[in-house]
PDB file of all heavy atoms in Angstrom:
ATOM      1  N   LEU A   1     188.320 143.910 109.992  1.00  0.00           N
ATOM      2  CA  LEU A   1     187.944 143.670 111.379  1.00  0.00           C
ATOM      3  C   LEU A   1     187.918 142.176 111.650  1.00  0.00           C
ATOM      4  O   LEU A   1     187.551 141.394 110.777  1.00  0.00           O
ATOM      5  CB  LEU A   1     186.554 144.239 111.678  1.00  0.00           C
ATOM      6  CG  LEU A   1     186.385 145.752 111.720  1.00  0.00           C
ATOM      7  CD1 LEU A   1     184.923 146.105 111.958  1.00  0.00           C
ATOM      8  CD2 LEU A   1     187.248 146.371 112.807  1.00  0.00           C
ATOM      9  N   SER A   2     188.275 141.813 112.848  1.00  0.00           N
ATOM     10  CA  SER A   2     188.178 140.402 113.238  1.00  0.00           C
ATOM     11  C   SER A   2     186.708 140.058 113.417  1.00  0.00           C
ATOM     12  O   SER A   2     185.873 140.960 113.599  1.00  0.00           O
ATOM     13  CB  SER A   2     188.927 140.163 114.552  1.00  0.00           C
ATOM     14  OG  SER A   2     188.222 140.757 115.630  1.00  0.00           O
ATOM     15  N   PRO A   3     186.352 138.780 113.388  1.00  0.00           N
ATOM     16  CA  PRO A   3     184.952 138.404 113.627  1.00  0.00           C
ATOM     17  C   PRO A   3     184.435 138.938 114.965  1.00  0.00           C
ATOM     18  O   PRO A   3     183.297 139.385 115.051  1.00  0.00           O
ATOM     19  CB  PRO A   3     184.976 136.877 113.601  1.00  0.00           C
ATOM     20  CG  PRO A   3     186.124 136.557 112.704  1.00  0.00           C
ATOM     21  CD  PRO A   3     187.147 137.609 112.993  1.00  0.00           C
ATOM     22  N   LYS A   4     185.268 138.913 115.988  1.00  0.00           N
ATOM     23  CA  LYS A   4     184.848 139.413 117.303  1.00  0.00           C
ATOM     24  C   LYS A   4     184.577 140.919 117.241  1.00  0.00           C
ATOM     25  O   LYS A   4     183.577 141.399 117.766  1.00  0.00           O
ATOM     26  CB  LYS A   4     185.915 139.104 118.355  1.00  0.00           C
ATOM     27  CG  LYS A   4     185.505 139.478 119.753  1.00  0.00           C
ATOM     28  CD  LYS A   4     186.526 139.058 120.777  1.00  0.00           C
ATOM     29  CE  LYS A   4     186.048 139.441 122.169  1.00  0.00           C
ATOM     30  NZ  LYS A   4     186.992 139.025 123.200  1.00  0.00           N
ATOM     31  N   GLN A   5     185.462 141.672 116.595  1.00  0.00           N
ATOM     32  CA  GLN A   5     185.265 143.114 116.458  1.00  0.00           C
ATOM     33  C   GLN A   5     184.006 143.417 115.650  1.00  0.00           C
ATOM     34  O   GLN A   5     183.226 144.301 116.007  1.00  0.00           O
ATOM     35  CB  GLN A   5     186.477 143.755 115.778  1.00  0.00           C
ATOM     36  CG  GLN A   5     187.731 143.744 116.617  1.00  0.00           C
ATOM     37  CD  GLN A   5     188.957 144.148 115.806  1.00  0.00           C
ATOM     38  OE1 GLN A   5     189.110 143.757 114.639  1.00  0.00           O
ATOM     39  NE2 GLN A   5     189.822 144.941 116.423  1.00  0.00           N
ATOM     40  N   ALA A   6     183.808 142.683 114.573  1.00  0.00           N
ATOM     41  CA  ALA A   6     182.625 142.882 113.745  1.00  0.00           C
ATOM     42  C   ALA A   6     181.355 142.584 114.537  1.00  0.00           C
ATOM     43  O   ALA A   6     180.356 143.301 114.411  1.00  0.00           O
ATOM     44  CB  ALA A   6     182.690 142.004 112.495  1.00  0.00           C
ATOM     45  N   ASP A   7     181.397 141.557 115.365  1.00  0.00           N
ATOM     46  CA  ASP A   7     180.236 141.205 116.178  1.00  0.00           C
ATOM     47  C   ASP A   7     179.919 142.311 117.178  1.00  0.00           C
ATOM     48  O   ASP A   7     178.749 142.648 117.390  1.00  0.00           O
ATOM     49  CB  ASP A   7     180.467 139.871 116.889  1.00  0.00           C
ATOM     50  CG  ASP A   7     179.194 139.299 117.474  1.00  0.00           C
ATOM     51  OD1 ASP A   7     178.173 139.275 116.749  1.00  0.00           O
ATOM     52  OD2 ASP A   7     179.213 138.891 118.645  1.00  0.00           O
ATOM     53  N   VAL A   8     180.943 142.885 117.789  1.00  0.00           N
ATOM     54  CA  VAL A   8     180.737 143.992 118.740  1.00  0.00           C
ATOM     55  C   VAL A   8     180.077 145.178 118.019  1.00  0.00           C
ATOM     56  O   VAL A   8     179.117 145.771 118.520  1.00  0.00           O
ATOM     57  CB  VAL A   8     182.071 144.411 119.395  1.00  0.00           C
ATOM     58  CG1 VAL A   8     181.940 145.724 120.153  1.00  0.00           C
ATOM     59  CG2 VAL A   8     182.575 143.309 120.326  1.00  0.00           C
ATOM     60  N   VAL A   9     180.583 145.509 116.839  1.00  0.00           N
ATOM     61  CA  VAL A   9     180.004 146.618 116.067  1.00  0.00           C
ATOM     62  C   VAL A   9     178.560 146.299 115.696  1.00  0.00           C
ATOM     63  O   VAL A   9     177.663 147.136 115.844  1.00  0.00           O
ATOM     64  CB  VAL A   9     180.851 146.908 114.799  1.00  0.00           C
ATOM     65  CG1 VAL A   9     180.144 147.925 113.907  1.00  0.00           C
ATOM     66  CG2 VAL A   9     182.239 147.387 115.185  1.00  0.00           C
ATOM     67  N   TRP A  10     178.296 145.067 115.233  1.00  0.00           N
ATOM     68  CA  TRP A  10     176.940 144.691 114.845  1.00  0.00           C
ATOM     69  C   TRP A  10     175.976 144.800 116.027  1.00  0.00           C
ATOM     70  O   TRP A  10     174.866 145.304 115.885  1.00  0.00           O
ATOM     71  CB  TRP A  10     176.898 143.291 114.244  1.00  0.00           C
ATOM     72  CG  TRP A  10     175.496 142.850 113.983  1.00  0.00           C
ATOM     73  CD1 TRP A  10     174.808 141.879 114.616  1.00  0.00           C
ATOM     74  CD2 TRP A  10     174.581 143.421 113.046  1.00  0.00           C
ATOM     75  NE1 TRP A  10     173.529 141.790 114.124  1.00  0.00           N
ATOM     76  CE2 TRP A  10     173.359 142.729 113.163  1.00  0.00           C
ATOM     77  CE3 TRP A  10     174.681 144.449 112.116  1.00  0.00           C
ATOM     78  CZ2 TRP A  10     172.244 143.034 112.379  1.00  0.00           C
ATOM     79  CZ3 TRP A  10     173.567 144.748 111.339  1.00  0.00           C
ATOM     80  CH2 TRP A  10     172.378 144.047 111.478  1.00  0.00           C
ATOM     81  N   GLN A  11     176.394 144.329 117.187  1.00  0.00           N
ATOM     82  CA  GLN A  11     175.524 144.388 118.369  1.00  0.00           C
ATOM     83  C   GLN A  11     175.198 145.831 118.727  1.00  0.00           C
ATOM     84  O   GLN A  11     174.061 146.149 119.099  1.00  0.00           O
ATOM     85  CB  GLN A  11     176.167 143.662 119.567  1.00  0.00           C
ATOM     86  CG  GLN A  11     176.356 142.165 119.357  1.00  0.00           C
ATOM     87  CD  GLN A  11     175.084 141.441 118.985  1.00  0.00           C
ATOM     88  OE1 GLN A  11     174.008 141.733 119.459  1.00  0.00           O
ATOM     89  NE2 GLN A  11     175.206 140.467 118.091  1.00  0.00           N
ATOM     90  N   ALA A  12     176.175 146.734 118.609  1.00  0.00           N
ATOM     91  CA  ALA A  12     175.938 148.158 118.901  1.00  0.00           C
ATOM     92  C   ALA A  12     174.973 148.771 117.887  1.00  0.00           C
ATOM     93  O   ALA A  12     174.051 149.505 118.250  1.00  0.00           O
ATOM     94  CB  ALA A  12     177.261 148.920 118.912  1.00  0.00           C
ATOM     95  N   VAL A  13     175.174 148.455 116.610  1.00  0.00           N
ATOM     96  CA  VAL A  13     174.275 148.971 115.566  1.00  0.00           C
ATOM     97  C   VAL A  13     172.865 148.446 115.789  1.00  0.00           C
ATOM     98  O   VAL A  13     171.888 149.203 115.732  1.00  0.00           O
ATOM     99  CB  VAL A  13     174.796 148.578 114.161  1.00  0.00           C
ATOM    100  CG1 VAL A  13     173.746 148.841 113.085  1.00  0.00           C
ATOM    101  CG2 VAL A  13     176.083 149.320 113.849  1.00  0.00           C
ATOM    102  N   ARG A  14     172.750 147.170 116.060  1.00  0.00           N
ATOM    103  CA  ARG A  14     171.437 146.553 116.289  1.00  0.00           C
ATOM    104  C   ARG A  14     170.726 147.198 117.474  1.00  0.00           C
ATOM    105  O   ARG A  14     169.540 147.522 117.399  1.00  0.00           O
ATOM    106  CB  ARG A  14     171.614 145.042 116.516  1.00  0.00           C
ATOM    107  CG  ARG A  14     170.357 144.280 116.856  1.00  0.00           C
ATOM    108  CD  ARG A  14     169.479 144.154 115.634  1.00  0.00           C
ATOM    109  NE  ARG A  14     168.148 143.751 115.986  1.00  0.00           N
ATOM    110  CZ  ARG A  14     167.560 142.654 115.547  1.00  0.00           C
ATOM    111  NH1 ARG A  14     168.180 141.863 114.721  1.00  0.00           N
ATOM    112  NH2 ARG A  14     166.340 142.370 115.898  1.00  0.00           N
ATOM    113  N   ALA A  15     171.460 147.430 118.566  1.00  0.00           N
ATOM    114  CA  ALA A  15     170.867 148.056 119.754  1.00  0.00           C
ATOM    115  C   ALA A  15     170.391 149.474 119.438  1.00  0.00           C
ATOM    116  O   ALA A  15     169.298 149.879 119.852  1.00  0.00           O
ATOM    117  CB  ALA A  15     171.870 148.068 120.904  1.00  0.00           C
ATOM    118  N   ASP A  16     171.196 150.237 118.688  1.00  0.00           N
ATOM    119  CA  ASP A  16     170.805 151.605 118.316  1.00  0.00           C
ATOM    120  C   ASP A  16     169.537 151.610 117.457  1.00  0.00           C
ATOM    121  O   ASP A  16     168.630 152.414 117.681  1.00  0.00           O
ATOM    122  CB  ASP A  16     171.935 152.310 117.552  1.00  0.00           C
ATOM    123  CG  ASP A  16     173.099 152.707 118.433  1.00  0.00           C
ATOM    124  OD1 ASP A  16     172.961 152.666 119.675  1.00  0.00           O
ATOM    125  OD2 ASP A  16     174.159 153.055 117.867  1.00  0.00           O
ATOM    126  N   LEU A  17     169.484 150.718 116.480  1.00  0.00           N
ATOM    127  CA  LEU A  17     168.299 150.667 115.609  1.00  0.00           C
ATOM    128  C   LEU A  17     167.063 150.206 116.386  1.00  0.00           C
ATOM    129  O   LEU A  17     165.979 150.766 116.201  1.00  0.00           O
ATOM    130  CB  LEU A  17     168.547 149.751 114.416  1.00  0.00           C
ATOM    131  CG  LEU A  17     169.525 150.284 113.368  1.00  0.00           C
ATOM    132  CD1 LEU A  17     169.791 149.240 112.296  1.00  0.00           C
ATOM    133  CD2 LEU A  17     169.023 151.571 112.755  1.00  0.00           C
ATOM    134  N   ASP A  18     167.225 149.211 117.233  1.00  0.00           N
ATOM    135  CA  ASP A  18     166.099 148.750 118.051  1.00  0.00           C
ATOM    136  C   ASP A  18     165.565 149.877 118.925  1.00  0.00           C
ATOM    137  O   ASP A  18     164.350 150.084 119.022  1.00  0.00           O
ATOM    138  CB  ASP A  18     166.501 147.562 118.928  1.00  0.00           C
ATOM    139  CG  ASP A  18     166.648 146.267 118.155  1.00  0.00           C
ATOM    140  OD1 ASP A  18     166.112 146.164 117.034  1.00  0.00           O
ATOM    141  OD2 ASP A  18     167.313 145.351 118.686  1.00  0.00           O
ATOM    142  N   GLU A  19     166.470 150.632 119.552  1.00  0.00           N
ATOM    143  CA  GLU A  19     166.066 151.744 120.426  1.00  0.00           C
ATOM    144  C   GLU A  19     165.352 152.837 119.629  1.00  0.00           C
ATOM    145  O   GLU A  19     164.317 153.352 120.044  1.00  0.00           O
ATOM    146  CB  GLU A  19     167.293 152.321 121.127  1.00  0.00           C
ATOM    147  CG  GLU A  19     166.964 153.451 122.087  1.00  0.00           C
ATOM    148  CD  GLU A  19     168.208 154.004 122.770  1.00  0.00           C
ATOM    149  OE1 GLU A  19     169.214 153.290 122.872  1.00  0.00           O
ATOM    150  OE2 GLU A  19     168.144 155.177 123.194  1.00  0.00           O
ATOM    151  N   LYS A  20     165.913 153.185 118.476  1.00  0.00           N
ATOM    152  CA  LYS A  20     165.309 154.229 117.633  1.00  0.00           C
ATOM    153  C   LYS A  20     163.893 153.836 117.216  1.00  0.00           C
ATOM    154  O   LYS A  20     162.970 154.640 117.281  1.00  0.00           O
ATOM    155  CB  LYS A  20     166.185 154.466 116.397  1.00  0.00           C
ATOM    156  CG  LYS A  20     165.626 155.517 115.452  1.00  0.00           C
ATOM    157  CD  LYS A  20     166.567 155.794 114.301  1.00  0.00           C
ATOM    158  CE  LYS A  20     166.513 154.708 113.277  1.00  0.00           C
ATOM    159  NZ  LYS A  20     167.199 155.026 112.020  1.00  0.00           N
ATOM    160  N   HIS A  21     163.708 152.585 116.829  1.00  0.00           N
ATOM    161  CA  HIS A  21     162.390 152.141 116.390  1.00  0.00           C
ATOM    162  C   HIS A  21     161.412 152.005 117.551  1.00  0.00           C
ATOM    163  O   HIS A  21     160.216 152.264 117.383  1.00  0.00           O
ATOM    164  CB  HIS A  21     162.510 150.835 115.595  1.00  0.00           C
ATOM    165  CG  HIS A  21     162.949 151.073 114.183  1.00  0.00           C
ATOM    166  ND1 HIS A  21     162.071 151.235 113.148  1.00  0.00           N
ATOM    167  CD2 HIS A  21     164.194 151.235 113.658  1.00  0.00           C
ATOM    168  CE1 HIS A  21     162.734 151.469 112.036  1.00  0.00           C
ATOM    169  NE2 HIS A  21     164.025 151.474 112.320  1.00  0.00           N
ATOM    170  N   ALA A  22     161.905 151.619 118.711  1.00  0.00           N
ATOM    171  CA  ALA A  22     161.033 151.540 119.883  1.00  0.00           C
ATOM    172  C   ALA A  22     160.522 152.924 120.257  1.00  0.00           C
ATOM    173  O   ALA A  22     159.328 153.102 120.543  1.00  0.00           O
ATOM    174  CB  ALA A  22     161.782 150.914 121.060  1.00  0.00           C
ATOM    175  N   LYS A  23     161.401 153.927 120.225  1.00  0.00           N
ATOM    176  CA  LYS A  23     160.987 155.301 120.539  1.00  0.00           C
ATOM    177  C   LYS A  23     159.982 155.815 119.514  1.00  0.00           C
ATOM    178  O   LYS A  23     158.994 156.440 119.864  1.00  0.00           O
ATOM    179  CB  LYS A  23     162.201 156.227 120.583  1.00  0.00           C
ATOM    180  CG  LYS A  23     163.030 156.088 121.823  1.00  0.00           C
ATOM    181  CD  LYS A  23     164.208 157.041 121.799  1.00  0.00           C
ATOM    182  CE  LYS A  23     165.091 156.854 123.011  1.00  0.00           C
ATOM    183  NZ  LYS A  23     166.277 157.728 122.966  1.00  0.00           N
ATOM    184  N   ALA A  24     160.253 155.536 118.239  1.00  0.00           N
ATOM    185  CA  ALA A  24     159.365 156.018 117.179  1.00  0.00           C
ATOM    186  C   ALA A  24     157.978 155.404 117.296  1.00  0.00           C
ATOM    187  O   ALA A  24     156.978 156.063 117.049  1.00  0.00           O
ATOM    188  CB  ALA A  24     159.962 155.712 115.814  1.00  0.00           C
ATOM    189  N   SER A  25     157.912 154.133 117.679  1.00  0.00           N
ATOM    190  CA  SER A  25     156.610 153.474 117.771  1.00  0.00           C
ATOM    191  C   SER A  25     155.825 153.958 118.988  1.00  0.00           C
ATOM    192  O   SER A  25     154.602 153.872 119.007  1.00  0.00           O
ATOM    193  CB  SER A  25     156.758 151.958 117.799  1.00  0.00           C
ATOM    194  OG  SER A  25     157.388 151.542 118.978  1.00  0.00           O
ATOM    195  N   GLN A  26     156.525 154.506 119.995  1.00  0.00           N
ATOM    196  CA  GLN A  26     155.851 155.019 121.187  1.00  0.00           C
ATOM    197  C   GLN A  26     155.302 156.430 120.969  1.00  0.00           C
ATOM    198  O   GLN A  26     154.347 156.834 121.617  1.00  0.00           O
ATOM    199  CB  GLN A  26     156.801 155.022 122.382  1.00  0.00           C
ATOM    200  CG  GLN A  26     157.127 153.636 122.874  1.00  0.00           C
ATOM    201  CD  GLN A  26     158.198 153.640 123.960  1.00  0.00           C
ATOM    202  OE1 GLN A  26     158.776 154.673 124.265  1.00  0.00           O
ATOM    203  NE2 GLN A  26     158.448 152.473 124.528  1.00  0.00           N
ATOM    204  N   GLU A  27     155.924 157.161 120.070  1.00  0.00           N
ATOM    205  CA  GLU A  27     155.482 158.528 119.805  1.00  0.00           C
ATOM    206  C   GLU A  27     154.232 158.489 118.929  1.00  0.00           C
ATOM    207  O   GLU A  27     154.223 157.884 117.875  1.00  0.00           O
ATOM    208  CB  GLU A  27     156.576 159.308 119.081  1.00  0.00           C
ATOM    209  CG  GLU A  27     157.827 159.495 119.890  1.00  0.00           C
ATOM    210  CD  GLU A  27     158.940 160.133 119.071  1.00  0.00           C
ATOM    211  OE1 GLU A  27     158.719 160.462 117.886  1.00  0.00           O
ATOM    212  OE2 GLU A  27     160.038 160.283 119.631  1.00  0.00           O
ATOM    213  N   GLU A  28     153.219 159.155 119.363  1.00  0.00           N
ATOM    214  CA  GLU A  28     151.994 159.162 118.567  1.00  0.00           C
ATOM    215  C   GLU A  28     152.239 159.966 117.303  1.00  0.00           C
ATOM    216  O   GLU A  28     152.763 161.071 117.348  1.00  0.00           O
ATOM    217  CB  GLU A  28     150.841 159.770 119.352  1.00  0.00           C
ATOM    218  CG  GLU A  28     149.537 159.681 118.578  1.00  0.00           C
ATOM    219  CD  GLU A  28     148.340 159.884 119.465  1.00  0.00           C
ATOM    220  OE1 GLU A  28     148.458 159.689 120.678  1.00  0.00           O
ATOM    221  OE2 GLU A  28     147.308 160.249 118.916  1.00  0.00           O
ATOM    222  N   GLY A  29     151.873 159.390 116.187  1.00  0.00           N
ATOM    223  CA  GLY A  29     152.069 160.060 114.912  1.00  0.00           C
ATOM    224  C   GLY A  29     153.511 160.070 114.472  1.00  0.00           C
ATOM    225  O   GLY A  29     153.885 160.852 113.628  1.00  0.00           O
ATOM    226  N   GLY A  30     154.348 159.190 115.050  1.00  0.00           N
ATOM    227  CA  GLY A  30     155.753 159.097 114.680  1.00  0.00           C
ATOM    228  C   GLY A  30     155.896 158.642 113.240  1.00  0.00           C
ATOM    229  O   GLY A  30     154.922 158.255 112.592  1.00  0.00           O
ATOM    230  N   PRO A  31     157.094 158.702 112.697  1.00  0.00           N
ATOM    231  CA  PRO A  31     157.315 158.359 111.296  1.00  0.00           C
ATOM    232  C   PRO A  31     156.792 156.992 110.895  1.00  0.00           C
ATOM    233  O   PRO A  31     156.218 156.850 109.825  1.00  0.00           O
ATOM    234  CB  PRO A  31     158.843 158.416 111.147  1.00  0.00           C
ATOM    235  CG  PRO A  31     159.315 159.271 112.263  1.00  0.00           C
ATOM    236  CD  PRO A  31     158.311 159.090 113.376  1.00  0.00           C
ATOM    237  N   GLU A  32     156.955 155.978 111.747  1.00  0.00           N
ATOM    238  CA  GLU A  32     156.477 154.650 111.370  1.00  0.00           C
ATOM    239  C   GLU A  32     154.960 154.618 111.297  1.00  0.00           C
ATOM    240  O   GLU A  32     154.391 154.002 110.426  1.00  0.00           O
ATOM    241  CB  GLU A  32     156.967 153.598 112.361  1.00  0.00           C
ATOM    242  CG  GLU A  32     158.430 153.281 112.170  1.00  0.00           C
ATOM    243  CD  GLU A  32     158.873 152.147 113.051  1.00  0.00           C
ATOM    244  OE1 GLU A  32     158.362 152.012 114.179  1.00  0.00           O
ATOM    245  OE2 GLU A  32     159.737 151.389 112.604  1.00  0.00           O
ATOM    246  N   GLN A  33     154.293 155.311 112.237  1.00  0.00           N
ATOM    247  CA  GLN A  33     152.843 155.310 112.220  1.00  0.00           C
ATOM    248  C   GLN A  33     152.308 156.083 111.029  1.00  0.00           C
ATOM    249  O   GLN A  33     151.353 155.671 110.394  1.00  0.00           O
ATOM    250  CB  GLN A  33     152.311 155.883 113.536  1.00  0.00           C
ATOM    251  CG  GLN A  33     152.596 154.966 114.703  1.00  0.00           C
ATOM    252  CD  GLN A  33     152.169 155.552 116.031  1.00  0.00           C
ATOM    253  OE1 GLN A  33     151.691 156.692 116.094  1.00  0.00           O
ATOM    254  NE2 GLN A  33     152.324 154.780 117.082  1.00  0.00           N
ATOM    255  N   ARG A  34     152.949 157.215 110.708  1.00  0.00           N
ATOM    256  CA  ARG A  34     152.506 157.966 109.519  1.00  0.00           C
ATOM    257  C   ARG A  34     152.681 157.119 108.282  1.00  0.00           C
ATOM    258  O   ARG A  34     151.853 157.109 107.388  1.00  0.00           O
ATOM    259  CB  ARG A  34     153.298 159.262 109.388  1.00  0.00           C
ATOM    260  CG  ARG A  34     152.850 160.341 110.336  1.00  0.00           C
ATOM    261  CD  ARG A  34     153.388 161.694 109.905  1.00  0.00           C
ATOM    262  NE  ARG A  34     154.822 161.702 109.757  1.00  0.00           N
ATOM    263  CZ  ARG A  34     155.696 161.979 110.722  1.00  0.00           C
ATOM    264  NH1 ARG A  34     155.277 162.226 111.925  1.00  0.00           N
ATOM    265  NH2 ARG A  34     156.975 161.988 110.475  1.00  0.00           N
ATOM    266  N   ARG A  35     153.775 156.389 108.219  1.00  0.00           N
ATOM    267  CA  ARG A  35     154.055 155.552 107.046  1.00  0.00           C
ATOM    268  C   ARG A  35     153.000 154.463 106.903  1.00  0.00           C
ATOM    269  O   ARG A  35     152.535 154.151 105.818  1.00  0.00           O
ATOM    270  CB  ARG A  35     155.449 154.922 107.211  1.00  0.00           C
ATOM    271  CG  ARG A  35     155.888 154.159 106.035  1.00  0.00           C
ATOM    272  CD  ARG A  35     157.391 154.015 106.165  1.00  0.00           C
ATOM    273  NE  ARG A  35     157.915 154.021 104.852  1.00  0.00           N
ATOM    274  CZ  ARG A  35     158.310 152.921 104.227  1.00  0.00           C
ATOM    275  NH1 ARG A  35     158.285 151.787 104.809  1.00  0.00           N
ATOM    276  NH2 ARG A  35     158.752 152.985 103.004  1.00  0.00           N
ATOM    277  N   ASP A  36     152.634 153.853 108.044  1.00  0.00           N
ATOM    278  CA  ASP A  36     151.627 152.797 108.008  1.00  0.00           C
ATOM    279  C   ASP A  36     150.253 153.323 107.646  1.00  0.00           C
ATOM    280  O   ASP A  36     149.416 152.591 107.140  1.00  0.00           O
ATOM    281  CB  ASP A  36     151.548 152.086 109.367  1.00  0.00           C
ATOM    282  CG  ASP A  36     152.812 151.293 109.655  1.00  0.00           C
ATOM    283  OD1 ASP A  36     153.554 150.991 108.686  1.00  0.00           O
ATOM    284  OD2 ASP A  36     153.059 150.985 110.833  1.00  0.00           O
ATOM    285  N   ALA A  37     150.015 154.612 107.887  1.00  0.00           N
ATOM    286  CA  ALA A  37     148.707 155.184 107.623  1.00  0.00           C
ATOM    287  C   ALA A  37     148.481 155.441 106.140  1.00  0.00           C
ATOM    288  O   ALA A  37     147.361 155.685 105.714  1.00  0.00           O
ATOM    289  CB  ALA A  37     148.558 156.503 108.402  1.00  0.00           C
TER     290      ALA A  37
END
């Protein structure tokens, strides 16, 4: 992949992970909260 293509893929992956973690932290008793407990 070109650097530009790799950057586009990285930004998409980063956005997906950020969204997944934001949703998990909003859910009461979500996986992250259980893990921290």
